[in-house]
Amino acid sequence: MNISRRHSLAALAAGAGMGAASPLAAQTTAGTAVKIRLIVSDVGGTLIQDHGEVPAAMLGAFSRHGMTVTAAEFSEWRGASKRGMVQHFVGLRGPATGRPALIDAIYNDFVSTASKAYADVQPIAGAEDALKAFRAQGYLIAATTGFDRKLNSQIMKKLGWEHYFVASVTSDDVVDGRPAPFMIYHAMEAAHVEDIASVLVVGDTPLDLQAGNNSGAAVVIGVHSGAASAERLGRERATAILPSIAALPALLKNGLPAQANCR
């Protein structure tokens, strides 16, 4: 993405986008209407089950190429660009020479292993029903993920979910992954949604919530169906913390928490 393009997208977070047509109104519990048009959802741990496939694949790839990254170190990167993660740790403790080749080798190893692990990918219980409910209620849906295009396409094709989304934005599409907000802005662009105040972001990692808040999204929802516990997600600023995305349609229907009550 060129610099001028990034600046134009970043302006959305400052409120530059003007009203999108015919937004849907979700009432807060205080009675204030929050007009949501676009739901931007993470994939791993939010829509699909997380059984540790990504940490196992990534830590194994580092180990097979002579580098040690601990599970605790990795946990701080859940939800981030996977290539960005590799670049970070190779830059931090890799050899002085040959780093680009090492980055490619580790990343390709990760992708190969993760692709095999996700060959029988399973959805979060109730996730597809939630997607159907969002569509029935008139919301647009976009997916954002730290996976690359190839792996994300494999997952969506396996589940048969491509038709639910107006866009699937992957780590390939941006220079900076989460907690930067650029995947969210790309999703808005693809959906022709101009106003960040009409966007809801949902994810299962602290970085997902940080990206949502950095974007200026009206509503940021954490779900503890994946990488992070409810307690850990509760340390981030969020409109609500839910057990899973399956609970979100009812929340939208029955009333979002008042923004003044959010952390």
C-alpha atoms as a PDB file:
ATOM      1  CA  MET A   1       0.000   0.000   0.000  1.00  0.00           C
ATOM      2  CA  ASN A   2       1.489   3.396  -0.911  1.00  0.00           C
ATOM      3  CA  ILE A   3       1.858   6.163   1.672  1.00  0.00           C
ATOM      4  CA  SER A   4      -0.862   8.406   0.277  1.00  0.00           C
ATOM      5  CA  ARG A   5      -3.276   5.478   0.226  1.00  0.00           C
ATOM      6  CA  ARG A   6      -2.463   4.573   3.807  1.00  0.00           C
ATOM      7  CA  HIS A   7      -2.985   8.171   4.892  1.00  0.00           C
ATOM      8  CA  SER A   8      -6.372   8.314   3.195  1.00  0.00           C
ATOM      9  CA  LEU A   9      -7.437   5.120   4.948  1.00  0.00           C
ATOM     10  CA  ALA A  10      -6.055   6.273   8.282  1.00  0.00           C
ATOM     11  CA  ALA A  11      -8.172   9.405   8.010  1.00  0.00           C
ATOM     12  CA  LEU A  12     -11.202   7.200   8.579  1.00  0.00           C
ATOM     13  CA  ALA A  13     -10.138   6.693  12.181  1.00  0.00           C
ATOM     14  CA  ALA A  14     -10.190  10.447  12.692  1.00  0.00           C
ATOM     15  CA  GLY A  15     -13.812  10.597  11.597  1.00  0.00           C
ATOM     16  CA  ALA A  16     -13.216  11.726   8.016  1.00  0.00           C
ATOM     17  CA  GLY A  17     -15.674   9.186   6.583  1.00  0.00           C
ATOM     18  CA  MET A  18     -19.222  10.510   6.203  1.00  0.00           C
ATOM     19  CA  GLY A  19     -22.468   8.618   6.680  1.00  0.00           C
ATOM     20  CA  ALA A  20     -22.977   5.341   4.847  1.00  0.00           C
ATOM     21  CA  ALA A  21     -26.394   4.706   3.337  1.00  0.00           C
ATOM     22  CA  SER A  22     -29.132   2.938   5.284  1.00  0.00           C
ATOM     23  CA  PRO A  23     -27.219   1.696   8.339  1.00  0.00           C
ATOM     24  CA  LEU A  24     -28.900  -0.714  10.723  1.00  0.00           C
ATOM     25  CA  ALA A  25     -29.466   0.526  14.268  1.00  0.00           C
ATOM     26  CA  ALA A  26     -28.443  -1.645  17.225  1.00  0.00           C
ATOM     27  CA  GLN A  27     -29.678  -0.176  20.476  1.00  0.00           C
ATOM     28  CA  THR A  28     -27.393   0.127  23.473  1.00  0.00           C
ATOM     29  CA  THR A  29     -28.754  -0.861  26.866  1.00  0.00           C
ATOM     30  CA  ALA A  30     -28.920   2.871  27.617  1.00  0.00           C
ATOM     31  CA  GLY A  31     -31.173   3.366  24.599  1.00  0.00           C
ATOM     32  CA  THR A  32     -28.617   5.080  22.341  1.00  0.00           C
ATOM     33  CA  ALA A  33     -28.650   3.858  18.752  1.00  0.00           C
ATOM     34  CA  VAL A  34     -25.325   2.569  17.418  1.00  0.00           C
ATOM     35  CA  LYS A  35     -25.645   2.352  13.638  1.00  0.00           C
ATOM     36  CA  ILE A  36     -23.731  -0.694  12.392  1.00  0.00           C
ATOM     37  CA  ARG A  37     -23.438  -1.630   8.732  1.00  0.00           C
ATOM     38  CA  LEU A  38     -20.281  -3.761   8.638  1.00  0.00           C
ATOM     39  CA  ILE A  39     -19.146  -6.583  10.928  1.00  0.00           C
ATOM     40  CA  VAL A  40     -15.407  -7.284  10.631  1.00  0.00           C
ATOM     41  CA  SER A  41     -14.506 -10.661  12.105  1.00  0.00           C
ATOM     42  CA  ASP A  42     -11.215 -12.368  12.799  1.00  0.00           C
ATOM     43  CA  VAL A  43     -10.934 -15.959  11.540  1.00  0.00           C
ATOM     44  CA  GLY A  44      -8.749 -18.239  13.707  1.00  0.00           C
ATOM     45  CA  GLY A  45     -10.254 -18.691  17.179  1.00  0.00           C
ATOM     46  CA  THR A  46     -13.213 -16.463  16.304  1.00  0.00           C
ATOM     47  CA  LEU A  47     -14.816 -18.310  13.395  1.00  0.00           C
ATOM     48  CA  ILE A  48     -12.783 -21.531  13.363  1.00  0.00           C
ATOM     49  CA  GLN A  49     -11.655 -23.703  16.242  1.00  0.00           C
ATOM     50  CA  ASP A  50      -8.217 -23.113  17.731  1.00  0.00           C
ATOM     51  CA  HIS A  51      -6.576 -26.267  19.041  1.00  0.00           C
ATOM     52  CA  GLY A  52      -3.061 -24.852  19.061  1.00  0.00           C
ATOM     53  CA  GLU A  53      -2.400 -25.535  15.373  1.00  0.00           C
ATOM     54  CA  VAL A  54      -0.796 -22.139  14.771  1.00  0.00           C
ATOM     55  CA  PRO A  55       1.566 -22.139  17.788  1.00  0.00           C
ATOM     56  CA  ALA A  56       2.613 -25.729  17.077  1.00  0.00           C
ATOM     57  CA  ALA A  57       3.297 -24.977  13.423  1.00  0.00           C
ATOM     58  CA  MET A  58       5.123 -21.726  14.109  1.00  0.00           C
ATOM     59  CA  LEU A  59       7.237 -22.841  17.065  1.00  0.00           C
ATOM     60  CA  GLY A  60       8.100 -26.038  15.196  1.00  0.00           C
ATOM     61  CA  ALA A  61       9.197 -24.034  12.148  1.00  0.00           C
ATOM     62  CA  PHE A  62      11.480 -21.869  14.258  1.00  0.00           C
ATOM     63  CA  SER A  63      12.955 -24.910  15.977  1.00  0.00           C
ATOM     64  CA  ARG A  64      13.571 -26.780  12.723  1.00  0.00           C
ATOM     65  CA  HIS A  65      15.609 -23.803  11.511  1.00  0.00           C
ATOM     66  CA  GLY A  66      17.747 -23.462  14.604  1.00  0.00           C
ATOM     67  CA  MET A  67      15.867 -20.767  16.498  1.00  0.00           C
ATOM     68  CA  THR A  68      14.167 -20.883  19.888  1.00  0.00           C
ATOM     69  CA  VAL A  69      10.982 -18.918  20.474  1.00  0.00           C
ATOM     70  CA  THR A  70       9.048 -19.677  23.644  1.00  0.00           C
ATOM     71  CA  ALA A  71       5.313 -20.242  23.889  1.00  0.00           C
ATOM     72  CA  ALA A  72       5.062 -17.173  26.136  1.00  0.00           C
ATOM     73  CA  GLU A  73       6.801 -15.007  23.532  1.00  0.00           C
ATOM     74  CA  PHE A  74       4.564 -16.385  20.813  1.00  0.00           C
ATOM     75  CA  SER A  75       1.394 -15.700  22.811  1.00  0.00           C
ATOM     76  CA  GLU A  76       1.974 -11.960  22.597  1.00  0.00           C
ATOM     77  CA  TRP A  77       1.803 -12.271  18.799  1.00  0.00           C
ATOM     78  CA  ARG A  78      -1.504 -14.140  18.540  1.00  0.00           C
ATOM     79  CA  GLY A  79      -3.589 -12.407  15.878  1.00  0.00           C
ATOM     80  CA  ALA A  80      -0.598 -10.732  14.232  1.00  0.00           C
ATOM     81  CA  SER A  81       0.707 -11.224  10.706  1.00  0.00           C
ATOM     82  CA  LYS A  82       2.491 -14.559  10.677  1.00  0.00           C
ATOM     83  CA  ARG A  83       5.200 -13.341   8.317  1.00  0.00           C
ATOM     84  CA  GLY A  84       5.592 -10.229  10.457  1.00  0.00           C
ATOM     85  CA  MET A  85       6.081 -12.474  13.474  1.00  0.00           C
ATOM     86  CA  VAL A  86       8.829 -14.417  11.721  1.00  0.00           C
ATOM     87  CA  GLN A  87      10.527 -11.197  10.627  1.00  0.00           C
ATOM     88  CA  HIS A  88      10.439  -9.903  14.198  1.00  0.00           C
ATOM     89  CA  PHE A  89      12.099 -12.904  15.810  1.00  0.00           C
ATOM     90  CA  VAL A  90      14.664 -13.401  13.040  1.00  0.00           C
ATOM     91  CA  GLY A  91      15.523  -9.727  13.356  1.00  0.00           C
ATOM     92  CA  LEU A  92      15.747 -10.072  17.137  1.00  0.00           C
ATOM     93  CA  ARG A  93      17.936 -13.162  17.373  1.00  0.00           C
ATOM     94  CA  GLY A  94      18.714 -14.449  13.901  1.00  0.00           C
ATOM     95  CA  PRO A  95      22.163 -14.553  12.293  1.00  0.00           C
ATOM     96  CA  ALA A  96      23.814 -11.379  11.118  1.00  0.00           C
ATOM     97  CA  THR A  97      23.719 -12.509   7.487  1.00  0.00           C
ATOM     98  CA  GLY A  98      21.208 -14.425   5.380  1.00  0.00           C
ATOM     99  CA  ARG A  99      18.136 -13.189   7.234  1.00  0.00           C
ATOM    100  CA  PRO A 100      15.810 -12.793   4.205  1.00  0.00           C
ATOM    101  CA  ALA A 101      16.409 -16.416   3.191  1.00  0.00           C
ATOM    102  CA  LEU A 102      15.904 -17.608   6.770  1.00  0.00           C
ATOM    103  CA  ILE A 103      12.648 -15.637   7.056  1.00  0.00           C
ATOM    104  CA  ASP A 104      11.350 -17.255   3.869  1.00  0.00           C
ATOM    105  CA  ALA A 105      12.407 -20.728   5.002  1.00  0.00           C
ATOM    106  CA  ILE A 106      10.746 -20.453   8.418  1.00  0.00           C
ATOM    107  CA  TYR A 107       7.595 -18.880   7.033  1.00  0.00           C
ATOM    108  CA  ASN A 108       7.218 -21.446   4.252  1.00  0.00           C
ATOM    109  CA  ASP A 109       7.745 -24.234   6.793  1.00  0.00           C
ATOM    110  CA  PHE A 110       4.988 -22.727   8.953  1.00  0.00           C
ATOM    111  CA  VAL A 111       2.557 -22.419   6.028  1.00  0.00           C
ATOM    112  CA  SER A 112       3.155 -26.000   4.927  1.00  0.00           C
ATOM    113  CA  THR A 113       2.615 -27.382   8.430  1.00  0.00           C
ATOM    114  CA  ALA A 114      -0.412 -25.184   9.144  1.00  0.00           C
ATOM    115  CA  SER A 115      -2.022 -26.117   5.827  1.00  0.00           C
ATOM    116  CA  LYS A 116      -1.859 -29.774   6.787  1.00  0.00           C
ATOM    117  CA  ALA A 117      -3.190 -29.047  10.268  1.00  0.00           C
ATOM    118  CA  TYR A 118      -6.158 -27.138   8.856  1.00  0.00           C
ATOM    119  CA  ALA A 119      -7.022 -29.747   6.221  1.00  0.00           C
ATOM    120  CA  ASP A 120      -9.927 -30.772   8.464  1.00  0.00           C
ATOM    121  CA  VAL A 121     -10.701 -27.338   9.869  1.00  0.00           C
ATOM    122  CA  GLN A 122     -13.763 -27.121  12.112  1.00  0.00           C
ATOM    123  CA  PRO A 123     -15.901 -24.049  12.810  1.00  0.00           C
ATOM    124  CA  ILE A 124     -16.550 -22.590  16.236  1.00  0.00           C
ATOM    125  CA  ALA A 125     -19.886 -23.983  17.446  1.00  0.00           C
ATOM    126  CA  GLY A 126     -22.620 -21.639  16.264  1.00  0.00           C
ATOM    127  CA  ALA A 127     -20.301 -19.554  14.047  1.00  0.00           C
ATOM    128  CA  GLU A 128     -22.032 -20.360  10.780  1.00  0.00           C
ATOM    129  CA  ASP A 129     -25.441 -19.738  12.338  1.00  0.00           C
ATOM    130  CA  ALA A 130     -24.120 -16.350  13.445  1.00  0.00           C
ATOM    131  CA  LEU A 131     -22.969 -15.545   9.905  1.00  0.00           C
ATOM    132  CA  LYS A 132     -26.391 -16.509   8.590  1.00  0.00           C
ATOM    133  CA  ALA A 133     -28.058 -14.346  11.235  1.00  0.00           C
ATOM    134  CA  PHE A 134     -25.883 -11.344  10.383  1.00  0.00           C
ATOM    135  CA  ARG A 135     -26.806 -11.683   6.725  1.00  0.00           C
ATOM    136  CA  ALA A 136     -30.492 -12.116   7.529  1.00  0.00           C
ATOM    137  CA  GLN A 137     -30.386  -8.971   9.690  1.00  0.00           C
ATOM    138  CA  GLY A 138     -28.893  -7.016   6.792  1.00  0.00           C
ATOM    139  CA  TYR A 139     -25.324  -6.589   7.998  1.00  0.00           C
ATOM    140  CA  LEU A 140     -22.327  -6.794   5.685  1.00  0.00           C
ATOM    141  CA  ILE A 141     -19.579  -9.164   6.884  1.00  0.00           C
ATOM    142  CA  ALA A 142     -15.845  -9.102   6.216  1.00  0.00           C
ATOM    143  CA  ALA A 143     -13.116 -11.420   7.469  1.00  0.00           C
ATOM    144  CA  THR A 144      -9.638 -10.283   8.506  1.00  0.00           C
ATOM    145  CA  THR A 145      -6.812 -12.625   9.416  1.00  0.00           C
ATOM    146  CA  GLY A 146      -3.124 -12.914  10.163  1.00  0.00           C
ATOM    147  CA  PHE A 147      -3.047 -15.898   7.788  1.00  0.00           C
ATOM    148  CA  ASP A 148      -1.855 -15.362   4.233  1.00  0.00           C
ATOM    149  CA  ARG A 149      -4.161 -15.503   1.206  1.00  0.00           C
ATOM    150  CA  LYS A 150      -3.405 -19.122   0.336  1.00  0.00           C
ATOM    151  CA  LEU A 151      -4.124 -20.520   3.809  1.00  0.00           C
ATOM    152  CA  ASN A 152      -7.204 -18.358   4.342  1.00  0.00           C
ATOM    153  CA  SER A 153      -8.603 -19.417   0.959  1.00  0.00           C
ATOM    154  CA  GLN A 154      -8.012 -23.057   1.879  1.00  0.00           C
ATOM    155  CA  ILE A 155      -9.969 -22.595   5.106  1.00  0.00           C
ATOM    156  CA  MET A 156     -12.878 -20.733   3.516  1.00  0.00           C
ATOM    157  CA  LYS A 157     -13.139 -23.192   0.630  1.00  0.00           C
ATOM    158  CA  LYS A 158     -13.100 -26.165   2.992  1.00  0.00           C
ATOM    159  CA  LEU A 159     -15.947 -24.660   5.034  1.00  0.00           C
ATOM    160  CA  GLY A 160     -17.835 -23.369   1.991  1.00  0.00           C
ATOM    161  CA  TRP A 161     -18.062 -19.920   3.552  1.00  0.00           C
ATOM    162  CA  GLU A 162     -16.804 -17.659   0.770  1.00  0.00           C
ATOM    163  CA  HIS A 163     -20.306 -16.374  -0.035  1.00  0.00           C
ATOM    164  CA  TYR A 164     -20.883 -14.918   3.435  1.00  0.00           C
ATOM    165  CA  PHE A 165     -18.206 -12.238   3.114  1.00  0.00           C
ATOM    166  CA  VAL A 166     -18.006  -9.039   1.089  1.00  0.00           C
ATOM    167  CA  ALA A 167     -14.237  -9.261   1.620  1.00  0.00           C
ATOM    168  CA  SER A 168     -11.574 -11.481   3.157  1.00  0.00           C
ATOM    169  CA  VAL A 169      -8.545  -9.368   4.022  1.00  0.00           C
ATOM    170  CA  THR A 170      -5.328 -11.224   4.799  1.00  0.00           C
ATOM    171  CA  SER A 171      -1.882 -10.296   6.051  1.00  0.00           C
ATOM    172  CA  ASP A 172      -0.681 -10.166   2.420  1.00  0.00           C
ATOM    173  CA  ASP A 173      -2.880  -7.144   1.802  1.00  0.00           C
ATOM    174  CA  VAL A 174      -1.244  -4.729   4.254  1.00  0.00           C
ATOM    175  CA  VAL A 175       2.228  -3.539   5.129  1.00  0.00           C
ATOM    176  CA  ASP A 176       1.498  -3.514   8.859  1.00  0.00           C
ATOM    177  CA  GLY A 177      -0.664  -6.181  10.501  1.00  0.00           C
ATOM    178  CA  ARG A 178      -2.449  -5.984  13.839  1.00  0.00           C
ATOM    179  CA  PRO A 179      -2.508  -3.995  16.065  1.00  0.00           C
ATOM    180  CA  ALA A 180      -2.397  -1.594  13.098  1.00  0.00           C
ATOM    181  CA  PRO A 181      -5.943  -1.001  11.793  1.00  0.00           C
ATOM    182  CA  PHE A 182      -5.235  -1.315   8.081  1.00  0.00           C
ATOM    183  CA  MET A 183      -6.968  -4.661   7.488  1.00  0.00           C
ATOM    184  CA  ILE A 184     -10.144  -3.138   8.911  1.00  0.00           C
ATOM    185  CA  TYR A 185      -9.844  -0.160   6.565  1.00  0.00           C
ATOM    186  CA  HIS A 186      -9.343  -2.487   3.591  1.00  0.00           C
ATOM    187  CA  ALA A 187     -12.508  -4.346   4.628  1.00  0.00           C
ATOM    188  CA  MET A 188     -14.392  -1.037   4.732  1.00  0.00           C
ATOM    189  CA  GLU A 189     -13.070  -0.126   1.310  1.00  0.00           C
ATOM    190  CA  ALA A 190     -14.173  -3.453  -0.183  1.00  0.00           C
ATOM    191  CA  ALA A 191     -17.616  -3.128   1.427  1.00  0.00           C
ATOM    192  CA  HIS A 192     -18.017   0.531   0.326  1.00  0.00           C
ATOM    193  CA  VAL A 193     -18.573   1.530   3.947  1.00  0.00           C
ATOM    194  CA  GLU A 194     -17.179   5.001   4.533  1.00  0.00           C
ATOM    195  CA  ASP A 195     -17.953   5.694   8.184  1.00  0.00           C
ATOM    196  CA  ILE A 196     -15.859   3.971  10.854  1.00  0.00           C
ATOM    197  CA  ALA A 197     -18.683   4.714  13.291  1.00  0.00           C
ATOM    198  CA  SER A 198     -20.762   2.089  11.472  1.00  0.00           C
ATOM    199  CA  VAL A 199     -18.220  -0.723  11.927  1.00  0.00           C
ATOM    200  CA  LEU A 200     -18.181  -3.522  14.512  1.00  0.00           C
ATOM    201  CA  VAL A 201     -14.945  -5.495  15.025  1.00  0.00           C
ATOM    202  CA  VAL A 202     -14.892  -8.914  16.714  1.00  0.00           C
ATOM    203  CA  GLY A 203     -11.914 -11.105  17.588  1.00  0.00           C
ATOM    204  CA  ASP A 204     -10.371 -13.479  20.114  1.00  0.00           C
ATOM    205  CA  THR A 205      -6.967 -11.903  20.793  1.00  0.00           C
ATOM    206  CA  PRO A 206      -5.771  -8.717  22.474  1.00  0.00           C
ATOM    207  CA  LEU A 207      -4.290  -7.633  19.126  1.00  0.00           C
ATOM    208  CA  ASP A 208      -7.723  -8.008  17.485  1.00  0.00           C
ATOM    209  CA  LEU A 209      -9.229  -5.654  20.054  1.00  0.00           C
ATOM    210  CA  GLN A 210      -6.299  -3.242  19.832  1.00  0.00           C
ATOM    211  CA  ALA A 211      -6.675  -3.083  16.046  1.00  0.00           C
ATOM    212  CA  GLY A 212     -10.381  -2.414  16.437  1.00  0.00           C
ATOM    213  CA  ASN A 213      -9.746   0.382  18.898  1.00  0.00           C
ATOM    214  CA  ASN A 214      -6.934   1.823  16.788  1.00  0.00           C
ATOM    215  CA  SER A 215      -9.313   1.938  13.822  1.00  0.00           C
ATOM    216  CA  GLY A 216     -11.873   3.953  15.761  1.00  0.00           C
ATOM    217  CA  ALA A 217     -14.578   1.316  15.232  1.00  0.00           C
ATOM    218  CA  ALA A 218     -17.840   2.072  17.007  1.00  0.00           C
ATOM    219  CA  VAL A 219     -18.076  -1.364  18.589  1.00  0.00           C
ATOM    220  CA  VAL A 220     -15.230  -3.747  19.561  1.00  0.00           C
ATOM    221  CA  ILE A 221     -16.210  -7.222  20.772  1.00  0.00           C
ATOM    222  CA  GLY A 222     -13.903  -9.800  22.353  1.00  0.00           C
ATOM    223  CA  VAL A 223     -14.690 -13.531  22.275  1.00  0.00           C
ATOM    224  CA  HIS A 224     -12.919 -16.048  24.503  1.00  0.00           C
ATOM    225  CA  SER A 225     -13.410 -18.985  22.142  1.00  0.00           C
ATOM    226  CA  GLY A 226      -9.813 -18.938  20.962  1.00  0.00           C
ATOM    227  CA  ALA A 227      -6.394 -17.740  22.030  1.00  0.00           C
ATOM    228  CA  ALA A 228      -7.143 -15.496  24.998  1.00  0.00           C
ATOM    229  CA  SER A 229      -9.140 -15.906  28.187  1.00  0.00           C
ATOM    230  CA  ALA A 230     -11.998 -13.642  29.187  1.00  0.00           C
ATOM    231  CA  GLU A 231      -9.738 -12.234  31.907  1.00  0.00           C
ATOM    232  CA  ARG A 232      -6.988 -11.339  29.423  1.00  0.00           C
ATOM    233  CA  LEU A 233      -9.409  -9.809  26.922  1.00  0.00           C
ATOM    234  CA  GLY A 234     -10.940  -7.819  29.765  1.00  0.00           C
ATOM    235  CA  ARG A 235      -7.723  -5.843  30.093  1.00  0.00           C
ATOM    236  CA  GLU A 236      -8.370  -4.313  26.687  1.00  0.00           C
ATOM    237  CA  ARG A 237     -10.966  -1.671  25.885  1.00  0.00           C
ATOM    238  CA  ALA A 238     -14.032  -3.506  24.587  1.00  0.00           C
ATOM    239  CA  THR A 239     -17.742  -2.968  24.209  1.00  0.00           C
ATOM    240  CA  ALA A 240     -18.400  -6.522  25.439  1.00  0.00           C
ATOM    241  CA  ILE A 241     -16.615  -9.836  26.043  1.00  0.00           C
ATOM    242  CA  LEU A 242     -18.633 -12.866  24.879  1.00  0.00           C
ATOM    243  CA  PRO A 243     -18.090 -16.637  25.075  1.00  0.00           C
ATOM    244  CA  SER A 244     -18.092 -16.835  21.267  1.00  0.00           C
ATOM    245  CA  ILE A 245     -19.361 -15.154  18.124  1.00  0.00           C
ATOM    246  CA  ALA A 246     -22.467 -17.336  18.450  1.00  0.00           C
ATOM    247  CA  ALA A 247     -23.710 -14.910  21.135  1.00  0.00           C
ATOM    248  CA  LEU A 248     -23.267 -11.794  19.001  1.00  0.00           C
ATOM    249  CA  PRO A 249     -26.528 -11.865  16.966  1.00  0.00           C
ATOM    250  CA  ALA A 250     -28.577 -11.833  20.173  1.00  0.00           C
ATOM    251  CA  LEU A 251     -26.458  -9.006  21.592  1.00  0.00           C
ATOM    252  CA  LEU A 252     -27.056  -6.918  18.476  1.00  0.00           C
ATOM    253  CA  LYS A 253     -30.767  -7.647  18.647  1.00  0.00           C
ATOM    254  CA  ASN A 254     -31.236  -7.132  22.382  1.00  0.00           C
ATOM    255  CA  GLY A 255     -28.940  -4.175  22.953  1.00  0.00           C
ATOM    256  CA  LEU A 256     -25.246  -3.373  23.010  1.00  0.00           C
ATOM    257  CA  PRO A 257     -23.742  -2.187  26.289  1.00  0.00           C
ATOM    258  CA  ALA A 258     -23.670   1.579  26.547  1.00  0.00           C
ATOM    259  CA  GLN A 259     -20.334   2.904  25.330  1.00  0.00           C
ATOM    260  CA  ALA A 260     -19.925   4.964  28.514  1.00  0.00           C
ATOM    261  CA  ASN A 261     -19.716   1.710  30.451  1.00  0.00           C
ATOM    262  CA  CYS A 262     -16.873   0.301  28.346  1.00  0.00           C
ATOM    263  CA  ARG A 263     -13.302   0.222  29.538  1.00  0.00           C
END
